Amino acid sequence: MARGELMKKLLASYGRDDEFRAVAEQIILEEEQKNNRVLARSLRQTLDHASNRAPPPRALAPLIPFPDAANDFVERVEPEHTKGDIVLSKANIRIFSGLIQEFRRADDIRRSGLPVRSKLLFCGPPGCGKTLCTEIFASELGLPLFVVKIDRLISSYLGETATNVRKIFEFARKQPCVLFLDEFDALARSRDDTSEHNELRRVVNSLLIFIDRIKPKGFLVAATNLDQSLDPAIWRRFDEVIWFEKPDREMIEHFLALKFKNIKIAFDPVSQVGSLEGYSFAEIERICVQAIKAAVIERRKEVHESDFRHAVADEVRRRSGAARLQHFED
């Protein structure tokens, strides 16, 4: 192929890694065939070095004005964490990698007449990474993150909830973003629940229509700790349901290594994994932080095993108190 055509193809493929590399390989091959081995070797080293570098963060999508009427119950959140700050199951890593690739090749997928997944439901117990994952997911996509304050949406606008939910969905349809609805069960509670106000039942009816119709330019993410409370009709409206479970032994080991990676310790954290099974990430993080603080308070340079054991004991006490309170409320 003529050099000019190859250069045009190279520039046209910029941003699509696989195509860019394929064209670059063609150029290197041409140089090798011309016996320009020094140049070819230099080009290949540059290409390999560029491939091994982490991709630069994507620029955030341009923002459009948010409806004034919705400002009270929607908040823009700036991501503070990266993918190195979270531990996910292998299944969830695969799912999120696929979603990111799908988003980046969305135009090609749609041109093939195929749908792009954009409506996600996160389910699982509290403290297992749903909110953190949403933040990191938005950052990886290069999309702004908007969090809906559902408690304020319902309590402050009872009688207008459905109207304001429509405004939020309309914004998400126009603005490339990740729109996050935490505690989604408060908004999408089963219509068979006789304790619910008639207005909230009407909201669920409207919500089903909004989710069905919306084709967001980014992602709609809803999260719940109470998946059994969701209206049965909600589930099929989402393109993907992702489960966040309490960590297994392997994930706990990884998480402990993450929490103590810049801390001097006088014990092997892996030896403590057995005492942490059944705990959420949030609970394990609280244990780690408390153990580190004990060393700081005593002006020690290392965290001792006793610090960690005392922090675990504190968490056991905290859990016991929470369980008694729950029993009293029930």
C-alpha atoms as a PDB file:
ATOM      1  CA  MET A   1       0.000   0.000   0.000  1.00  0.00           C
ATOM      2  CA  ALA A   2       1.280   3.509  -0.779  1.00  0.00           C
ATOM      3  CA  ARG A   3       2.885   5.296   2.172  1.00  0.00           C
ATOM      4  CA  GLY A   4       0.369   8.183   1.956  1.00  0.00           C
ATOM      5  CA  GLU A   5      -2.577   5.808   2.242  1.00  0.00           C
ATOM      6  CA  LEU A   6      -1.007   4.054   5.223  1.00  0.00           C
ATOM      7  CA  MET A   7      -0.466   7.356   6.999  1.00  0.00           C
ATOM      8  CA  LYS A   8      -4.091   8.352   6.354  1.00  0.00           C
ATOM      9  CA  LYS A   9      -5.267   5.021   7.790  1.00  0.00           C
ATOM     10  CA  LEU A  10      -3.005   5.483  10.811  1.00  0.00           C
ATOM     11  CA  LEU A  11      -4.450   8.908  11.602  1.00  0.00           C
ATOM     12  CA  ALA A  12      -8.007   7.760  10.969  1.00  0.00           C
ATOM     13  CA  SER A  13      -7.599   4.881  13.427  1.00  0.00           C
ATOM     14  CA  TYR A  14      -6.314   7.064  16.270  1.00  0.00           C
ATOM     15  CA  GLY A  15      -8.172   6.250  19.490  1.00  0.00           C
ATOM     16  CA  ARG A  16      -9.062   2.721  18.341  1.00  0.00           C
ATOM     17  CA  ASP A  17      -6.133   0.779  19.744  1.00  0.00           C
ATOM     18  CA  ASP A  18      -6.489  -2.461  17.767  1.00  0.00           C
ATOM     19  CA  GLU A  19      -6.839  -0.714  14.388  1.00  0.00           C
ATOM     20  CA  PHE A  20      -4.043   1.749  15.185  1.00  0.00           C
ATOM     21  CA  ARG A  21      -1.651  -1.067  16.060  1.00  0.00           C
ATOM     22  CA  ALA A  22      -2.561  -3.046  12.919  1.00  0.00           C
ATOM     23  CA  VAL A  23      -1.748  -0.089  10.646  1.00  0.00           C
ATOM     24  CA  ALA A  24       1.448   0.650  12.580  1.00  0.00           C
ATOM     25  CA  GLU A  25       2.493  -2.981  12.101  1.00  0.00           C
ATOM     26  CA  GLN A  26       1.977  -2.573   8.334  1.00  0.00           C
ATOM     27  CA  ILE A  27       4.269   0.476   8.290  1.00  0.00           C
ATOM     28  CA  ILE A  28       6.946  -1.393  10.268  1.00  0.00           C
ATOM     29  CA  LEU A  29       6.665  -4.369   7.914  1.00  0.00           C
ATOM     30  CA  GLU A  30       7.176  -2.100   4.913  1.00  0.00           C
ATOM     31  CA  GLU A  31      10.350  -0.690   6.459  1.00  0.00           C
ATOM     32  CA  GLU A  32      11.640  -4.199   7.129  1.00  0.00           C
ATOM     33  CA  GLN A  33      10.954  -5.176   3.517  1.00  0.00           C
ATOM     34  CA  LYS A  34      12.919  -2.102   2.396  1.00  0.00           C
ATOM     35  CA  ASN A  35      15.782  -3.340   4.582  1.00  0.00           C
ATOM     36  CA  ASN A  36      15.456  -0.283   6.861  1.00  0.00           C
ATOM     37  CA  ARG A  37      15.980  -2.541   9.861  1.00  0.00           C
ATOM     38  CA  VAL A  38      17.236   0.104  12.284  1.00  0.00           C
ATOM     39  CA  LEU A  39      14.177   2.281  11.669  1.00  0.00           C
ATOM     40  CA  ALA A  40      11.853  -0.732  11.798  1.00  0.00           C
ATOM     41  CA  ARG A  41      13.332  -1.870  15.125  1.00  0.00           C
ATOM     42  CA  SER A  42      13.045   1.638  16.582  1.00  0.00           C
ATOM     43  CA  LEU A  43       9.404   1.917  15.453  1.00  0.00           C
ATOM     44  CA  ARG A  44       8.552  -1.472  16.971  1.00  0.00           C
ATOM     45  CA  GLN A  45      10.169  -0.576  20.300  1.00  0.00           C
ATOM     46  CA  THR A  46       8.197   2.684  20.376  1.00  0.00           C
ATOM     47  CA  LEU A  47       4.949   0.868  19.556  1.00  0.00           C
ATOM     48  CA  ASP A  48       5.523  -1.796  22.210  1.00  0.00           C
ATOM     49  CA  HIS A  49       6.424   0.833  24.797  1.00  0.00           C
ATOM     50  CA  ALA A  50       3.266   2.813  24.024  1.00  0.00           C
ATOM     51  CA  SER A  51       1.129  -0.346  24.258  1.00  0.00           C
ATOM     52  CA  ASN A  52       2.475  -1.138  27.716  1.00  0.00           C
ATOM     53  CA  ARG A  53       1.711   2.303  29.135  1.00  0.00           C
ATOM     54  CA  ALA A  54      -1.561   2.842  30.952  1.00  0.00           C
ATOM     55  CA  PRO A  55      -3.962   4.754  28.693  1.00  0.00           C
ATOM     56  CA  PRO A  56      -4.380   8.418  29.639  1.00  0.00           C
ATOM     57  CA  PRO A  57      -7.645   9.274  31.391  1.00  0.00           C
ATOM     58  CA  ARG A  58     -10.393  10.170  28.974  1.00  0.00           C
ATOM     59  CA  ALA A  59     -11.486  13.791  28.975  1.00  0.00           C
ATOM     60  CA  LEU A  60     -14.792  14.311  30.695  1.00  0.00           C
ATOM     61  CA  ALA A  61     -17.762  14.695  28.419  1.00  0.00           C
ATOM     62  CA  PRO A  62     -18.852  18.345  28.001  1.00  0.00           C
ATOM     63  CA  LEU A  63     -21.588  19.344  30.412  1.00  0.00           C
ATOM     64  CA  ILE A  64     -24.957  20.784  29.567  1.00  0.00           C
ATOM     65  CA  PRO A  65     -26.917  22.892  32.088  1.00  0.00           C
ATOM     66  CA  PHE A  66     -28.862  20.825  34.587  1.00  0.00           C
ATOM     67  CA  PRO A  67     -32.565  21.733  34.996  1.00  0.00           C
ATOM     68  CA  ASP A  68     -32.866  24.287  37.804  1.00  0.00           C
ATOM     69  CA  ALA A  69     -35.827  22.443  39.277  1.00  0.00           C
ATOM     70  CA  ALA A  70     -33.678  19.353  39.845  1.00  0.00           C
ATOM     71  CA  ASN A  71     -30.707  21.038  41.521  1.00  0.00           C
ATOM     72  CA  ASP A  72     -32.027  20.269  44.996  1.00  0.00           C
ATOM     73  CA  PHE A  73     -31.880  16.518  44.568  1.00  0.00           C
ATOM     74  CA  VAL A  74     -28.990  15.892  42.160  1.00  0.00           C
ATOM     75  CA  GLU A  75     -25.323  16.323  42.998  1.00  0.00           C
ATOM     76  CA  ARG A  76     -22.279  16.304  40.742  1.00  0.00           C
ATOM     77  CA  VAL A  77     -19.546  14.149  42.309  1.00  0.00           C
ATOM     78  CA  GLU A  78     -15.882  14.377  41.345  1.00  0.00           C
ATOM     79  CA  PRO A  79     -14.271  10.898  41.366  1.00  0.00           C
ATOM     80  CA  GLU A  80     -11.439  10.607  43.890  1.00  0.00           C
ATOM     81  CA  HIS A  81     -10.575   6.929  43.488  1.00  0.00           C
ATOM     82  CA  THR A  82      -9.038   4.781  40.751  1.00  0.00           C
ATOM     83  CA  LYS A  83      -9.368   1.132  39.822  1.00  0.00           C
ATOM     84  CA  GLY A  84      -6.371   0.411  42.057  1.00  0.00           C
ATOM     85  CA  ASP A  85      -8.540   1.285  45.073  1.00  0.00           C
ATOM     86  CA  ILE A  86     -11.143  -1.448  44.636  1.00  0.00           C
ATOM     87  CA  VAL A  87     -11.240  -5.236  44.846  1.00  0.00           C
ATOM     88  CA  LEU A  88     -13.811  -6.958  42.633  1.00  0.00           C
ATOM     89  CA  SER A  89     -14.642 -10.580  41.972  1.00  0.00           C
ATOM     90  CA  LYS A  90     -13.259 -12.079  38.766  1.00  0.00           C
ATOM     91  CA  ALA A  91     -16.776 -12.235  37.338  1.00  0.00           C
ATOM     92  CA  ASN A  92     -17.375  -8.531  37.989  1.00  0.00           C
ATOM     93  CA  ILE A  93     -13.986  -7.558  36.551  1.00  0.00           C
ATOM     94  CA  ARG A  94     -14.965  -9.354  33.356  1.00  0.00           C
ATOM     95  CA  ILE A  95     -18.391  -7.678  33.272  1.00  0.00           C
ATOM     96  CA  PHE A  96     -17.061  -4.148  33.804  1.00  0.00           C
ATOM     97  CA  SER A  97     -14.245  -4.630  31.284  1.00  0.00           C
ATOM     98  CA  GLY A  98     -16.862  -5.697  28.754  1.00  0.00           C
ATOM     99  CA  LEU A  99     -19.093  -2.714  29.536  1.00  0.00           C
ATOM    100  CA  ILE A 100     -16.214  -0.264  29.085  1.00  0.00           C
ATOM    101  CA  GLN A 101     -15.193  -1.822  25.760  1.00  0.00           C
ATOM    102  CA  GLU A 102     -18.814  -1.829  24.639  1.00  0.00           C
ATOM    103  CA  PHE A 103     -19.164   1.875  25.485  1.00  0.00           C
ATOM    104  CA  ARG A 104     -16.004   2.735  23.539  1.00  0.00           C
ATOM    105  CA  ARG A 105     -17.187   0.811  20.469  1.00  0.00           C
ATOM    106  CA  ALA A 106     -20.839   1.832  20.833  1.00  0.00           C
ATOM    107  CA  ASP A 107     -21.104   3.377  17.352  1.00  0.00           C
ATOM    108  CA  ASP A 108     -19.791   0.223  15.668  1.00  0.00           C
ATOM    109  CA  ILE A 109     -22.159  -1.939  17.709  1.00  0.00           C
ATOM    110  CA  ARG A 110     -25.180   0.198  16.857  1.00  0.00           C
ATOM    111  CA  ARG A 111     -24.225   0.249  13.164  1.00  0.00           C
ATOM    112  CA  SER A 112     -24.399  -3.543  13.332  1.00  0.00           C
ATOM    113  CA  GLY A 113     -27.987  -3.263  14.571  1.00  0.00           C
ATOM    114  CA  LEU A 114     -27.109  -4.427  18.093  1.00  0.00           C
ATOM    115  CA  PRO A 115     -28.056  -2.816  21.430  1.00  0.00           C
ATOM    116  CA  VAL A 116     -25.484  -1.289  23.792  1.00  0.00           C
ATOM    117  CA  ARG A 117     -25.859  -2.056  27.488  1.00  0.00           C
ATOM    118  CA  SER A 118     -26.405   1.206  29.378  1.00  0.00           C
ATOM    119  CA  LYS A 119     -28.838   0.467  32.240  1.00  0.00           C
ATOM    120  CA  LEU A 120     -27.236  -1.307  35.189  1.00  0.00           C
ATOM    121  CA  LEU A 121     -28.645  -2.552  38.496  1.00  0.00           C
ATOM    122  CA  PHE A 122     -26.164  -3.114  41.357  1.00  0.00           C
ATOM    123  CA  CYS A 123     -27.363  -5.451  44.129  1.00  0.00           C
ATOM    124  CA  GLY A 124     -25.755  -6.631  47.344  1.00  0.00           C
ATOM    125  CA  PRO A 125     -25.315  -5.966  51.048  1.00  0.00           C
ATOM    126  CA  PRO A 126     -24.059  -2.581  52.289  1.00  0.00           C
ATOM    127  CA  GLY A 127     -20.323  -1.909  52.348  1.00  0.00           C
ATOM    128  CA  CYS A 128     -19.471  -4.224  49.459  1.00  0.00           C
ATOM    129  CA  GLY A 129     -18.404  -1.623  46.875  1.00  0.00           C
ATOM    130  CA  LYS A 130     -21.491  -0.572  44.895  1.00  0.00           C
ATOM    131  CA  THR A 131     -21.011   3.182  45.373  1.00  0.00           C
ATOM    132  CA  LEU A 132     -17.206   3.071  45.069  1.00  0.00           C
ATOM    133  CA  CYS A 133     -17.471   0.979  41.918  1.00  0.00           C
ATOM    134  CA  THR A 134     -19.877   3.492  40.371  1.00  0.00           C
ATOM    135  CA  GLU A 135     -17.409   6.312  41.027  1.00  0.00           C
ATOM    136  CA  ILE A 136     -14.470   4.397  39.523  1.00  0.00           C
ATOM    137  CA  PHE A 137     -16.599   3.207  36.598  1.00  0.00           C
ATOM    138  CA  ALA A 138     -17.495   6.822  35.718  1.00  0.00           C
ATOM    139  CA  SER A 139     -13.842   7.832  35.983  1.00  0.00           C
ATOM    140  CA  GLU A 140     -12.697   4.988  33.712  1.00  0.00           C
ATOM    141  CA  LEU A 141     -15.314   5.961  31.142  1.00  0.00           C
ATOM    142  CA  GLY A 142     -14.383   9.647  31.297  1.00  0.00           C
ATOM    143  CA  LEU A 143     -17.991  10.561  32.124  1.00  0.00           C
ATOM    144  CA  PRO A 144     -19.244  12.992  34.785  1.00  0.00           C
ATOM    145  CA  LEU A 145     -20.989  11.360  37.741  1.00  0.00           C
ATOM    146  CA  PHE A 146     -24.345  12.682  38.957  1.00  0.00           C
ATOM    147  CA  VAL A 147     -25.811  11.235  42.159  1.00  0.00           C
ATOM    148  CA  VAL A 148     -29.565  11.453  42.768  1.00  0.00           C
ATOM    149  CA  LYS A 149     -30.511  12.154  46.387  1.00  0.00           C
ATOM    150  CA  ILE A 150     -33.531   9.899  46.453  1.00  0.00           C
ATOM    151  CA  ASP A 151     -34.486  10.626  50.068  1.00  0.00           C
ATOM    152  CA  ARG A 152     -34.778  14.352  49.283  1.00  0.00           C
ATOM    153  CA  LEU A 153     -36.481  13.644  45.979  1.00  0.00           C
ATOM    154  CA  ILE A 154     -39.259  11.732  47.728  1.00  0.00           C
ATOM    155  CA  SER A 155     -39.650  13.698  50.953  1.00  0.00           C
ATOM    156  CA  SER A 156     -39.447  17.210  49.501  1.00  0.00           C
ATOM    157  CA  TYR A 157     -41.478  16.675  46.373  1.00  0.00           C
ATOM    158  CA  LEU A 158     -44.199  14.240  47.388  1.00  0.00           C
ATOM    159  CA  GLY A 159     -46.873  14.765  44.768  1.00  0.00           C
ATOM    160  CA  GLU A 160     -44.280  15.914  42.227  1.00  0.00           C
ATOM    161  CA  THR A 161     -41.883  12.965  42.446  1.00  0.00           C
ATOM    162  CA  ALA A 162     -42.792  11.420  39.097  1.00  0.00           C
ATOM    163  CA  THR A 163     -42.440  14.784  37.346  1.00  0.00           C
ATOM    164  CA  ASN A 164     -38.997  15.371  38.814  1.00  0.00           C
ATOM    165  CA  VAL A 165     -37.847  11.828  38.073  1.00  0.00           C
ATOM    166  CA  ARG A 166     -38.836  12.509  34.459  1.00  0.00           C
ATOM    167  CA  LYS A 167     -36.642  15.640  34.453  1.00  0.00           C
ATOM    168  CA  ILE A 168     -33.679  13.615  35.722  1.00  0.00           C
ATOM    169  CA  PHE A 169     -34.153  10.968  33.060  1.00  0.00           C
ATOM    170  CA  GLU A 170     -34.525  13.611  30.363  1.00  0.00           C
ATOM    171  CA  PHE A 171     -31.221  15.130  31.445  1.00  0.00           C
ATOM    172  CA  ALA A 172     -29.501  11.710  31.338  1.00  0.00           C
ATOM    173  CA  ARG A 173     -30.876  11.176  27.832  1.00  0.00           C
ATOM    174  CA  LYS A 174     -29.136  14.345  26.592  1.00  0.00           C
ATOM    175  CA  GLN A 175     -26.010  14.471  28.783  1.00  0.00           C
ATOM    176  CA  PRO A 176     -23.324  11.784  28.445  1.00  0.00           C
ATOM    177  CA  CYS A 177     -22.895  10.878  32.104  1.00  0.00           C
ATOM    178  CA  VAL A 178     -23.250   8.195  34.756  1.00  0.00           C
ATOM    179  CA  LEU A 179     -26.510   8.877  36.600  1.00  0.00           C
ATOM    180  CA  PHE A 180     -26.455   7.062  39.944  1.00  0.00           C
ATOM    181  CA  LEU A 181     -29.616   6.255  41.903  1.00  0.00           C
ATOM    182  CA  ASP A 182     -28.515   4.854  45.261  1.00  0.00           C
ATOM    183  CA  GLU A 183     -31.021   3.246  47.650  1.00  0.00           C
ATOM    184  CA  PHE A 184     -33.106   2.553  44.576  1.00  0.00           C
ATOM    185  CA  ASP A 185     -35.540   0.399  46.559  1.00  0.00           C
ATOM    186  CA  ALA A 186     -36.926   3.602  48.151  1.00  0.00           C
ATOM    187  CA  LEU A 187     -38.124   4.667  44.715  1.00  0.00           C
ATOM    188  CA  ALA A 188     -38.873   1.310  43.081  1.00  0.00           C
ATOM    189  CA  ARG A 189     -40.489  -0.540  45.969  1.00  0.00           C
ATOM    190  CA  SER A 190     -42.918  -3.308  45.108  1.00  0.00           C
ATOM    191  CA  ARG A 191     -46.402  -2.074  44.326  1.00  0.00           C
ATOM    192  CA  ASP A 192     -47.745  -5.057  46.295  1.00  0.00           C
ATOM    193  CA  ASP A 193     -46.402  -3.495  49.504  1.00  0.00           C
ATOM    194  CA  THR A 194     -49.586  -2.344  51.245  1.00  0.00           C
ATOM    195  CA  SER A 195     -47.654  -0.002  53.557  1.00  0.00           C
ATOM    196  CA  GLU A 196     -46.644   2.267  50.687  1.00  0.00           C
ATOM    197  CA  HIS A 197     -48.352   5.569  49.886  1.00  0.00           C
ATOM    198  CA  ASN A 198     -50.447   5.623  46.706  1.00  0.00           C
ATOM    199  CA  GLU A 199     -48.233   8.398  45.338  1.00  0.00           C
ATOM    200  CA  LEU A 200     -45.173   6.137  45.498  1.00  0.00           C
ATOM    201  CA  ARG A 201     -47.054   3.402  43.662  1.00  0.00           C
ATOM    202  CA  ARG A 202     -47.755   5.886  40.897  1.00  0.00           C
ATOM    203  CA  VAL A 203     -44.049   6.798  40.907  1.00  0.00           C
ATOM    204  CA  VAL A 204     -43.138   3.145  40.291  1.00  0.00           C
ATOM    205  CA  ASN A 205     -45.529   3.038  37.331  1.00  0.00           C
ATOM    206  CA  SER A 206     -43.871   6.140  35.876  1.00  0.00           C
ATOM    207  CA  LEU A 207     -40.407   4.829  36.684  1.00  0.00           C
ATOM    208  CA  LEU A 208     -41.015   1.652  34.702  1.00  0.00           C
ATOM    209  CA  ILE A 209     -41.959   3.745  31.671  1.00  0.00           C
ATOM    210  CA  PHE A 210     -38.954   6.082  32.061  1.00  0.00           C
ATOM    211  CA  ILE A 211     -36.451   3.216  32.338  1.00  0.00           C
ATOM    212  CA  ASP A 212     -38.018   1.447  29.373  1.00  0.00           C
ATOM    213  CA  ARG A 213     -37.816   4.496  27.129  1.00  0.00           C
ATOM    214  CA  ILE A 214     -34.489   6.003  28.106  1.00  0.00           C
ATOM    215  CA  LYS A 215     -31.495   5.397  25.893  1.00  0.00           C
ATOM    216  CA  PRO A 216     -28.792   7.189  27.885  1.00  0.00           C
ATOM    217  CA  LYS A 217     -25.685   8.560  26.186  1.00  0.00           C
ATOM    218  CA  GLY A 218     -23.799   7.242  29.196  1.00  0.00           C
ATOM    219  CA  PHE A 219     -25.108   4.909  31.897  1.00  0.00           C
ATOM    220  CA  LEU A 220     -28.013   4.731  34.286  1.00  0.00           C
ATOM    221  CA  VAL A 221     -26.860   2.915  37.444  1.00  0.00           C
ATOM    222  CA  ALA A 222     -29.278   1.981  40.227  1.00  0.00           C
ATOM    223  CA  ALA A 223     -28.085   0.367  43.457  1.00  0.00           C
ATOM    224  CA  THR A 224     -29.936  -1.381  46.257  1.00  0.00           C
ATOM    225  CA  ASN A 225     -29.184  -3.287  49.458  1.00  0.00           C
ATOM    226  CA  LEU A 226     -32.767  -4.595  49.469  1.00  0.00           C
ATOM    227  CA  ASP A 227     -33.215  -6.326  46.124  1.00  0.00           C
ATOM    228  CA  GLN A 228     -36.102  -8.406  47.540  1.00  0.00           C
ATOM    229  CA  SER A 229     -38.074  -5.158  48.013  1.00  0.00           C
ATOM    230  CA  LEU A 230     -37.919  -4.106  44.358  1.00  0.00           C
ATOM    231  CA  ASP A 231     -41.015  -4.301  42.228  1.00  0.00           C
ATOM    232  CA  PRO A 232     -40.810  -7.505  40.135  1.00  0.00           C
ATOM    233  CA  ALA A 233     -41.324  -5.541  36.914  1.00  0.00           C
ATOM    234  CA  ILE A 234     -38.151  -3.498  37.536  1.00  0.00           C
ATOM    235  CA  TRP A 235     -35.681  -6.303  36.910  1.00  0.00           C
ATOM    236  CA  ARG A 236     -36.203  -6.813  33.187  1.00  0.00           C
ATOM    237  CA  ARG A 237     -35.859  -3.065  32.529  1.00  0.00           C
ATOM    238  CA  PHE A 238     -32.118  -3.238  33.196  1.00  0.00           C
ATOM    239  CA  ASP A 239     -29.586  -4.460  30.645  1.00  0.00           C
ATOM    240  CA  GLU A 240     -27.319  -5.920  33.319  1.00  0.00           C
ATOM    241  CA  VAL A 241     -27.738  -6.927  36.966  1.00  0.00           C
ATOM    242  CA  ILE A 242     -24.431  -7.011  38.857  1.00  0.00           C
ATOM    243  CA  TRP A 243     -24.104  -8.657  42.256  1.00  0.00           C
ATOM    244  CA  PHE A 244     -21.713  -7.373  44.921  1.00  0.00           C
ATOM    245  CA  GLU A 245     -21.187 -10.035  47.563  1.00  0.00           C
ATOM    246  CA  LYS A 246     -19.131 -10.013  50.729  1.00  0.00           C
ATOM    247  CA  PRO A 247     -15.493 -10.826  49.875  1.00  0.00           C
ATOM    248  CA  ASP A 248     -14.138 -14.364  49.860  1.00  0.00           C
ATOM    249  CA  ARG A 249     -10.721 -15.314  51.290  1.00  0.00           C
ATOM    250  CA  GLU A 250      -8.814 -14.407  48.117  1.00  0.00           C
ATOM    251  CA  MET A 251     -10.494 -11.005  47.896  1.00  0.00           C
ATOM    252  CA  ILE A 252      -9.851 -10.330  51.607  1.00  0.00           C
ATOM    253  CA  GLU A 253      -6.140 -11.097  51.105  1.00  0.00           C
ATOM    254  CA  HIS A 254      -6.012  -8.707  48.170  1.00  0.00           C
ATOM    255  CA  PHE A 255      -7.855  -6.029  50.131  1.00  0.00           C
ATOM    256  CA  LEU A 256      -5.528  -6.310  53.139  1.00  0.00           C
ATOM    257  CA  ALA A 257      -2.498  -6.013  50.864  1.00  0.00           C
ATOM    258  CA  LEU A 258      -4.078  -2.884  49.383  1.00  0.00           C
ATOM    259  CA  LYS A 259      -4.762  -1.297  52.779  1.00  0.00           C
ATOM    260  CA  PHE A 260      -1.281  -1.994  54.185  1.00  0.00           C
ATOM    261  CA  LYS A 261       0.746  -1.442  51.007  1.00  0.00           C
ATOM    262  CA  ASN A 262       2.368   1.782  52.296  1.00  0.00           C
ATOM    263  CA  ILE A 263       2.336   0.848  55.990  1.00  0.00           C
ATOM    264  CA  LYS A 264       5.052  -0.911  57.977  1.00  0.00           C
ATOM    265  CA  ILE A 265       3.599  -3.969  59.674  1.00  0.00           C
ATOM    266  CA  ALA A 266       5.095  -6.448  62.150  1.00  0.00           C
ATOM    267  CA  PHE A 267       2.775  -9.321  61.245  1.00  0.00           C
ATOM    268  CA  ASP A 268       1.471 -11.178  58.208  1.00  0.00           C
ATOM    269  CA  PRO A 269      -2.029  -9.884  57.337  1.00  0.00           C
ATOM    270  CA  VAL A 270      -2.819 -13.155  55.545  1.00  0.00           C
ATOM    271  CA  SER A 271      -2.761 -14.895  58.938  1.00  0.00           C
ATOM    272  CA  GLN A 272      -5.756 -12.755  59.928  1.00  0.00           C
ATOM    273  CA  VAL A 273      -7.976 -13.588  56.963  1.00  0.00           C
ATOM    274  CA  GLY A 274      -9.896 -16.282  58.830  1.00  0.00           C
ATOM    275  CA  SER A 275     -11.107 -13.758  61.409  1.00  0.00           C
ATOM    276  CA  LEU A 276     -12.517 -11.516  58.656  1.00  0.00           C
ATOM    277  CA  GLU A 277     -14.656 -13.957  56.696  1.00  0.00           C
ATOM    278  CA  GLY A 278     -18.245 -12.759  56.511  1.00  0.00           C
ATOM    279  CA  TYR A 279     -17.271  -9.095  56.866  1.00  0.00           C
ATOM    280  CA  SER A 280     -17.940  -6.442  54.232  1.00  0.00           C
ATOM    281  CA  PHE A 281     -15.185  -4.364  52.634  1.00  0.00           C
ATOM    282  CA  ALA A 282     -16.337  -1.347  54.647  1.00  0.00           C
ATOM    283  CA  GLU A 283     -16.016  -3.287  57.915  1.00  0.00           C
ATOM    284  CA  ILE A 284     -12.573  -4.639  56.998  1.00  0.00           C
ATOM    285  CA  GLU A 285     -11.404  -1.157  56.027  1.00  0.00           C
ATOM    286  CA  ARG A 286     -12.584   0.177  59.390  1.00  0.00           C
ATOM    287  CA  ILE A 287     -10.559  -2.558  61.135  1.00  0.00           C
ATOM    288  CA  CYS A 288      -7.425  -1.701  59.141  1.00  0.00           C
ATOM    289  CA  VAL A 289      -7.774   2.023  59.790  1.00  0.00           C
ATOM    290  CA  GLN A 290      -8.280   1.453  63.527  1.00  0.00           C
ATOM    291  CA  ALA A 291      -5.205  -0.786  63.710  1.00  0.00           C
ATOM    292  CA  ILE A 292      -3.065   1.816  61.925  1.00  0.00           C
ATOM    293  CA  LYS A 293      -4.363   4.592  64.196  1.00  0.00           C
ATOM    294  CA  ALA A 294      -3.353   2.578  67.274  1.00  0.00           C
ATOM    295  CA  ALA A 295       0.253   2.579  66.055  1.00  0.00           C
ATOM    296  CA  VAL A 296       0.114   6.309  65.282  1.00  0.00           C
ATOM    297  CA  ILE A 297      -1.300   7.130  68.722  1.00  0.00           C
ATOM    298  CA  GLU A 298       1.507   5.199  70.416  1.00  0.00           C
ATOM    299  CA  ARG A 299       4.070   6.729  68.055  1.00  0.00           C
ATOM    300  CA  ARG A 300       5.194   3.380  66.737  1.00  0.00           C
ATOM    301  CA  LYS A 301       6.559   2.936  63.222  1.00  0.00           C
ATOM    302  CA  GLU A 302       4.949  -0.481  62.797  1.00  0.00           C
ATOM    303  CA  VAL A 303       1.459  -1.860  63.184  1.00  0.00           C
ATOM    304  CA  HIS A 304       1.465  -4.874  65.498  1.00  0.00           C
ATOM    305  CA  GLU A 305      -0.704  -7.954  65.320  1.00  0.00           C
ATOM    306  CA  SER A 306      -2.243  -6.945  68.659  1.00  0.00           C
ATOM    307  CA  ASP A 307      -3.407  -3.667  67.086  1.00  0.00           C
ATOM    308  CA  PHE A 308      -5.205  -5.613  64.415  1.00  0.00           C
ATOM    309  CA  ARG A 309      -6.737  -8.105  66.862  1.00  0.00           C
ATOM    310  CA  HIS A 310      -8.037  -5.301  69.085  1.00  0.00           C
ATOM    311  CA  ALA A 311      -9.559  -3.590  66.025  1.00  0.00           C
ATOM    312  CA  VAL A 312     -11.286  -6.867  65.078  1.00  0.00           C
ATOM    313  CA  ALA A 313     -12.634  -7.161  68.626  1.00  0.00           C
ATOM    314  CA  ASP A 314     -14.011  -3.620  68.374  1.00  0.00           C
ATOM    315  CA  GLU A 315     -15.764  -4.516  65.131  1.00  0.00           C
ATOM    316  CA  VAL A 316     -17.255  -7.650  66.717  1.00  0.00           C
ATOM    317  CA  ARG A 317     -18.582  -5.461  69.559  1.00  0.00           C
ATOM    318  CA  ARG A 318     -19.975  -2.969  67.058  1.00  0.00           C
ATOM    319  CA  ARG A 319     -21.697  -5.743  65.108  1.00  0.00           C
ATOM    320  CA  SER A 320     -23.183  -7.197  68.274  1.00  0.00           C
ATOM    321  CA  GLY A 321     -24.648  -3.828  69.231  1.00  0.00           C
ATOM    322  CA  ALA A 322     -26.076  -3.309  65.738  1.00  0.00           C
ATOM    323  CA  ALA A 323     -27.653  -6.776  65.837  1.00  0.00           C
ATOM    324  CA  ARG A 324     -29.335  -6.044  69.217  1.00  0.00           C
ATOM    325  CA  LEU A 325     -30.643  -2.732  67.889  1.00  0.00           C
ATOM    326  CA  GLN A 326     -32.059  -4.435  64.803  1.00  0.00           C
ATOM    327  CA  HIS A 327     -33.731  -7.067  66.972  1.00  0.00           C
ATOM    328  CA  PHE A 328     -35.269  -4.317  69.133  1.00  0.00           C
ATOM    329  CA  GLU A 329     -36.598  -2.460  66.068  1.00  0.00           C
ATOM    330  CA  ASP A 330     -38.095  -5.661  64.642  1.00  0.00           C
END
